[in-house]
């Protein structure tokens, strides 16, 4: 598939605003690996090749084991490969990304709320929303993996 348009070049202010949104969201979590796992998982669900490529590279550069990266789509069945905090964040990422029931289930939200302070949870939700914005734009315009925005 070929790229449909270079949206980030056509709308540079939109891109800058999206980047500021993303940076503000990440600021309050303090765990870059957790953030990368969450954004990679949302990107996998959304099938955003550009974002999957980017965040897999980020995790590798951070020293995350190939096994943790490879098994992320099956995190629920991966035993103790992911911490309870990571599993709660991944469950929330999936629930926010796929709103087929029209809401985030209480059990998913409560699981995350038990692992994060209220401020951290707010940042986590913002990170998930921000990556979904990136995914939806990049999937729509067919942004090729590895290319500059």
C-alpha atoms as a PDB file:
ATOM      1  CA  UNK A   1       0.000   0.000   0.000  1.00  0.00           C
ATOM      2  CA  UNK A   2       1.213   3.457  -0.751  1.00  0.00           C
ATOM      3  CA  UNK A   3       0.920   6.536   1.394  1.00  0.00           C
ATOM      4  CA  UNK A   4      -2.216   8.534   0.657  1.00  0.00           C
ATOM      5  CA  UNK A   5      -0.872  11.917   1.735  1.00  0.00           C
ATOM      6  CA  UNK A   6       1.823  13.564   3.818  1.00  0.00           C
ATOM      7  CA  UNK A   7      -0.599  14.945   6.378  1.00  0.00           C
ATOM      8  CA  UNK A   8       2.046  15.963   8.888  1.00  0.00           C
ATOM      9  CA  UNK A   9       3.684  18.198   6.271  1.00  0.00           C
ATOM     10  CA  UNK A  10       0.344  19.621   5.187  1.00  0.00           C
ATOM     11  CA  UNK A  11      -0.730  20.369   8.763  1.00  0.00           C
ATOM     12  CA  UNK A  12       2.456  21.148  10.704  1.00  0.00           C
ATOM     13  CA  UNK A  13       0.603  22.920  13.513  1.00  0.00           C
ATOM     14  CA  UNK A  14      -1.603  19.861  13.979  1.00  0.00           C
ATOM     15  CA  UNK A  15       1.501  17.700  14.238  1.00  0.00           C
ATOM     16  CA  UNK A  16       3.127  20.055  16.745  1.00  0.00           C
ATOM     17  CA  UNK A  17      -0.050  20.125  18.830  1.00  0.00           C
ATOM     18  CA  UNK A  18      -0.258  16.323  18.752  1.00  0.00           C
ATOM     19  CA  UNK A  19       3.367  16.082  19.881  1.00  0.00           C
ATOM     20  CA  UNK A  20       2.760  18.542  22.752  1.00  0.00           C
ATOM     21  CA  UNK A  21      -0.316  16.540  23.774  1.00  0.00           C
ATOM     22  CA  UNK A  22       1.721  13.341  23.795  1.00  0.00           C
ATOM     23  CA  UNK A  23       4.576  14.848  25.804  1.00  0.00           C
ATOM     24  CA  UNK A  24       2.174  16.329  28.378  1.00  0.00           C
ATOM     25  CA  UNK A  25       0.452  12.961  28.739  1.00  0.00           C
ATOM     26  CA  UNK A  26       3.710  11.039  29.283  1.00  0.00           C
ATOM     27  CA  UNK A  27       5.104  13.539  31.772  1.00  0.00           C
ATOM     28  CA  UNK A  28       3.328  12.201  34.852  1.00  0.00           C
ATOM     29  CA  UNK A  29       4.005   8.480  34.509  1.00  0.00           C
ATOM     30  CA  UNK A  30       7.753   8.346  35.066  1.00  0.00           C
ATOM     31  CA  UNK A  31       8.164   4.832  33.639  1.00  0.00           C
ATOM     32  CA  UNK A  32       9.122   5.046  29.961  1.00  0.00           C
ATOM     33  CA  UNK A  33       8.983   1.260  29.472  1.00  0.00           C
ATOM     34  CA  UNK A  34       5.418   1.113  30.791  1.00  0.00           C
ATOM     35  CA  UNK A  35       4.461   3.956  28.446  1.00  0.00           C
ATOM     36  CA  UNK A  36       6.081   2.211  25.471  1.00  0.00           C
ATOM     37  CA  UNK A  37       4.356  -1.100  26.263  1.00  0.00           C
ATOM     38  CA  UNK A  38       0.992   0.666  26.476  1.00  0.00           C
ATOM     39  CA  UNK A  39       1.411   2.629  23.251  1.00  0.00           C
ATOM     40  CA  UNK A  40       2.731  -0.423  21.421  1.00  0.00           C
ATOM     41  CA  UNK A  41      -0.253  -2.488  22.538  1.00  0.00           C
ATOM     42  CA  UNK A  42      -2.752   0.168  21.430  1.00  0.00           C
ATOM     43  CA  UNK A  43      -0.907   0.460  18.115  1.00  0.00           C
ATOM     44  CA  UNK A  44      -1.107  -3.320  17.647  1.00  0.00           C
ATOM     45  CA  UNK A  45      -4.849  -3.278  18.296  1.00  0.00           C
ATOM     46  CA  UNK A  46      -5.244  -0.424  15.794  1.00  0.00           C
ATOM     47  CA  UNK A  47      -2.898  -2.117  13.299  1.00  0.00           C
ATOM     48  CA  UNK A  48      -0.769   1.004  12.888  1.00  0.00           C
ATOM     49  CA  UNK A  49       2.383  -0.292  11.207  1.00  0.00           C
ATOM     50  CA  UNK A  50       4.198   3.037  11.540  1.00  0.00           C
ATOM     51  CA  UNK A  51       3.615   3.239  15.306  1.00  0.00           C
ATOM     52  CA  UNK A  52       4.276  -0.469  15.892  1.00  0.00           C
ATOM     53  CA  UNK A  53       7.629  -0.132  14.140  1.00  0.00           C
ATOM     54  CA  UNK A  54       8.543   2.983  16.134  1.00  0.00           C
ATOM     55  CA  UNK A  55       7.582   1.653  19.547  1.00  0.00           C
ATOM     56  CA  UNK A  56       9.168  -1.774  19.040  1.00  0.00           C
ATOM     57  CA  UNK A  57      12.408   0.056  18.233  1.00  0.00           C
ATOM     58  CA  UNK A  58      11.998   2.259  21.320  1.00  0.00           C
ATOM     59  CA  UNK A  59      11.520  -0.796  23.542  1.00  0.00           C
ATOM     60  CA  UNK A  60      14.553  -2.539  22.059  1.00  0.00           C
ATOM     61  CA  UNK A  61      16.657   0.584  22.599  1.00  0.00           C
ATOM     62  CA  UNK A  62      15.450   0.674  26.222  1.00  0.00           C
ATOM     63  CA  UNK A  63      16.781  -2.866  26.702  1.00  0.00           C
ATOM     64  CA  UNK A  64      13.417  -4.618  26.950  1.00  0.00           C
ATOM     65  CA  UNK A  65      13.760  -8.324  26.211  1.00  0.00           C
ATOM     66  CA  UNK A  66      12.598  -9.589  22.815  1.00  0.00           C
ATOM     67  CA  UNK A  67      10.358 -12.054  24.655  1.00  0.00           C
ATOM     68  CA  UNK A  68       8.403  -9.262  26.400  1.00  0.00           C
ATOM     69  CA  UNK A  69       8.030  -7.419  23.101  1.00  0.00           C
ATOM     70  CA  UNK A  70       7.048 -10.535  21.132  1.00  0.00           C
ATOM     71  CA  UNK A  71       4.472 -11.742  23.657  1.00  0.00           C
ATOM     72  CA  UNK A  72       2.768  -8.396  24.150  1.00  0.00           C
ATOM     73  CA  UNK A  73      -0.263  -9.336  22.001  1.00  0.00           C
ATOM     74  CA  UNK A  74      -0.803 -12.273  24.391  1.00  0.00           C
ATOM     75  CA  UNK A  75       0.081 -10.431  27.616  1.00  0.00           C
ATOM     76  CA  UNK A  76      -2.862 -11.963  29.497  1.00  0.00           C
ATOM     77  CA  UNK A  77      -1.491 -15.471  28.897  1.00  0.00           C
ATOM     78  CA  UNK A  78       2.165 -14.572  29.468  1.00  0.00           C
ATOM     79  CA  UNK A  79       2.268 -15.376  33.179  1.00  0.00           C
ATOM     80  CA  UNK A  80       4.500 -13.121  35.235  1.00  0.00           C
ATOM     81  CA  UNK A  81       6.324 -11.706  32.205  1.00  0.00           C
ATOM     82  CA  UNK A  82       4.474  -8.436  32.884  1.00  0.00           C
ATOM     83  CA  UNK A  83       3.982  -6.880  36.303  1.00  0.00           C
ATOM     84  CA  UNK A  84       0.499  -6.381  37.733  1.00  0.00           C
ATOM     85  CA  UNK A  85       0.921  -2.650  37.132  1.00  0.00           C
ATOM     86  CA  UNK A  86       1.779  -3.296  33.473  1.00  0.00           C
ATOM     87  CA  UNK A  87      -1.121  -5.742  33.080  1.00  0.00           C
ATOM     88  CA  UNK A  88      -3.557  -3.219  34.544  1.00  0.00           C
ATOM     89  CA  UNK A  89      -2.269  -0.554  32.152  1.00  0.00           C
ATOM     90  CA  UNK A  90      -2.454  -2.915  29.170  1.00  0.00           C
ATOM     91  CA  UNK A  91      -6.028  -3.909  30.021  1.00  0.00           C
ATOM     92  CA  UNK A  92      -6.988  -0.244  30.218  1.00  0.00           C
ATOM     93  CA  UNK A  93      -5.207   0.483  26.929  1.00  0.00           C
ATOM     94  CA  UNK A  94      -7.194  -2.230  25.176  1.00  0.00           C
ATOM     95  CA  UNK A  95     -10.492  -1.121  26.719  1.00  0.00           C
ATOM     96  CA  UNK A  96      -9.988   2.539  25.791  1.00  0.00           C
ATOM     97  CA  UNK A  97      -8.787   1.624  22.292  1.00  0.00           C
ATOM     98  CA  UNK A  98     -11.703  -0.701  21.510  1.00  0.00           C
ATOM     99  CA  UNK A  99     -14.889   0.865  22.807  1.00  0.00           C
ATOM    100  CA  UNK A 100     -17.191  -1.773  21.295  1.00  0.00           C
ATOM    101  CA  UNK A 101     -19.350  -1.851  24.422  1.00  0.00           C
ATOM    102  CA  UNK A 102     -19.548   1.928  24.444  1.00  0.00           C
ATOM    103  CA  UNK A 103     -17.649   2.226  27.714  1.00  0.00           C
ATOM    104  CA  UNK A 104     -14.612   1.094  29.674  1.00  0.00           C
ATOM    105  CA  UNK A 105     -15.750  -1.721  31.994  1.00  0.00           C
ATOM    106  CA  UNK A 106     -15.706  -0.880  35.700  1.00  0.00           C
ATOM    107  CA  UNK A 107     -13.499  -3.881  36.494  1.00  0.00           C
ATOM    108  CA  UNK A 108     -10.837  -2.711  34.030  1.00  0.00           C
ATOM    109  CA  UNK A 109     -10.907   0.843  35.367  1.00  0.00           C
ATOM    110  CA  UNK A 110     -10.814  -0.314  39.003  1.00  0.00           C
ATOM    111  CA  UNK A 111      -7.884  -2.636  38.272  1.00  0.00           C
ATOM    112  CA  UNK A 112      -5.914   0.310  36.893  1.00  0.00           C
ATOM    113  CA  UNK A 113      -7.037   2.608  39.716  1.00  0.00           C
ATOM    114  CA  UNK A 114      -5.654   0.083  42.215  1.00  0.00           C
ATOM    115  CA  UNK A 115      -2.195   0.273  40.593  1.00  0.00           C
ATOM    116  CA  UNK A 116      -1.872   3.991  39.872  1.00  0.00           C
ATOM    117  CA  UNK A 117      -2.426   7.180  41.817  1.00  0.00           C
ATOM    118  CA  UNK A 118      -5.254   9.326  40.510  1.00  0.00           C
ATOM    119  CA  UNK A 119      -2.768  11.674  38.817  1.00  0.00           C
ATOM    120  CA  UNK A 120      -0.865   8.754  37.255  1.00  0.00           C
ATOM    121  CA  UNK A 121      -4.121   7.239  36.053  1.00  0.00           C
ATOM    122  CA  UNK A 122      -5.093  10.547  34.443  1.00  0.00           C
ATOM    123  CA  UNK A 123      -1.740  10.591  32.626  1.00  0.00           C
ATOM    124  CA  UNK A 124      -2.150   6.959  31.585  1.00  0.00           C
ATOM    125  CA  UNK A 125      -5.585   7.672  30.111  1.00  0.00           C
ATOM    126  CA  UNK A 126      -4.137  10.691  28.303  1.00  0.00           C
ATOM    127  CA  UNK A 127      -1.266   8.567  26.896  1.00  0.00           C
ATOM    128  CA  UNK A 128      -3.768   6.010  25.587  1.00  0.00           C
ATOM    129  CA  UNK A 129      -5.944   8.699  24.003  1.00  0.00           C
ATOM    130  CA  UNK A 130      -2.880  10.377  22.451  1.00  0.00           C
ATOM    131  CA  UNK A 131      -1.570   7.180  20.826  1.00  0.00           C
ATOM    132  CA  UNK A 132      -5.028   6.442  19.493  1.00  0.00           C
ATOM    133  CA  UNK A 133      -4.969   9.883  17.824  1.00  0.00           C
ATOM    134  CA  UNK A 134      -1.593   9.100  16.234  1.00  0.00           C
ATOM    135  CA  UNK A 135      -2.765   5.632  15.170  1.00  0.00           C
ATOM    136  CA  UNK A 136      -5.967   6.830  13.569  1.00  0.00           C
ATOM    137  CA  UNK A 137      -4.239   9.511  11.524  1.00  0.00           C
ATOM    138  CA  UNK A 138      -1.342   7.271  10.458  1.00  0.00           C
ATOM    139  CA  UNK A 139      -3.613   4.344   9.540  1.00  0.00           C
ATOM    140  CA  UNK A 140      -5.927   6.623   7.557  1.00  0.00           C
ATOM    141  CA  UNK A 141      -3.115   8.155   5.484  1.00  0.00           C
ATOM    142  CA  UNK A 142      -1.137   4.878   5.349  1.00  0.00           C
ATOM    143  CA  UNK A 143       1.994   6.360   6.887  1.00  0.00           C
ATOM    144  CA  UNK A 144       4.806   3.947   5.917  1.00  0.00           C
ATOM    145  CA  UNK A 145       6.823   2.378   8.754  1.00  0.00           C
ATOM    146  CA  UNK A 146      10.243   3.878   9.277  1.00  0.00           C
ATOM    147  CA  UNK A 147       9.642   7.024   7.238  1.00  0.00           C
ATOM    148  CA  UNK A 148       9.789  10.542   8.605  1.00  0.00           C
ATOM    149  CA  UNK A 149       6.493  12.128   9.532  1.00  0.00           C
END
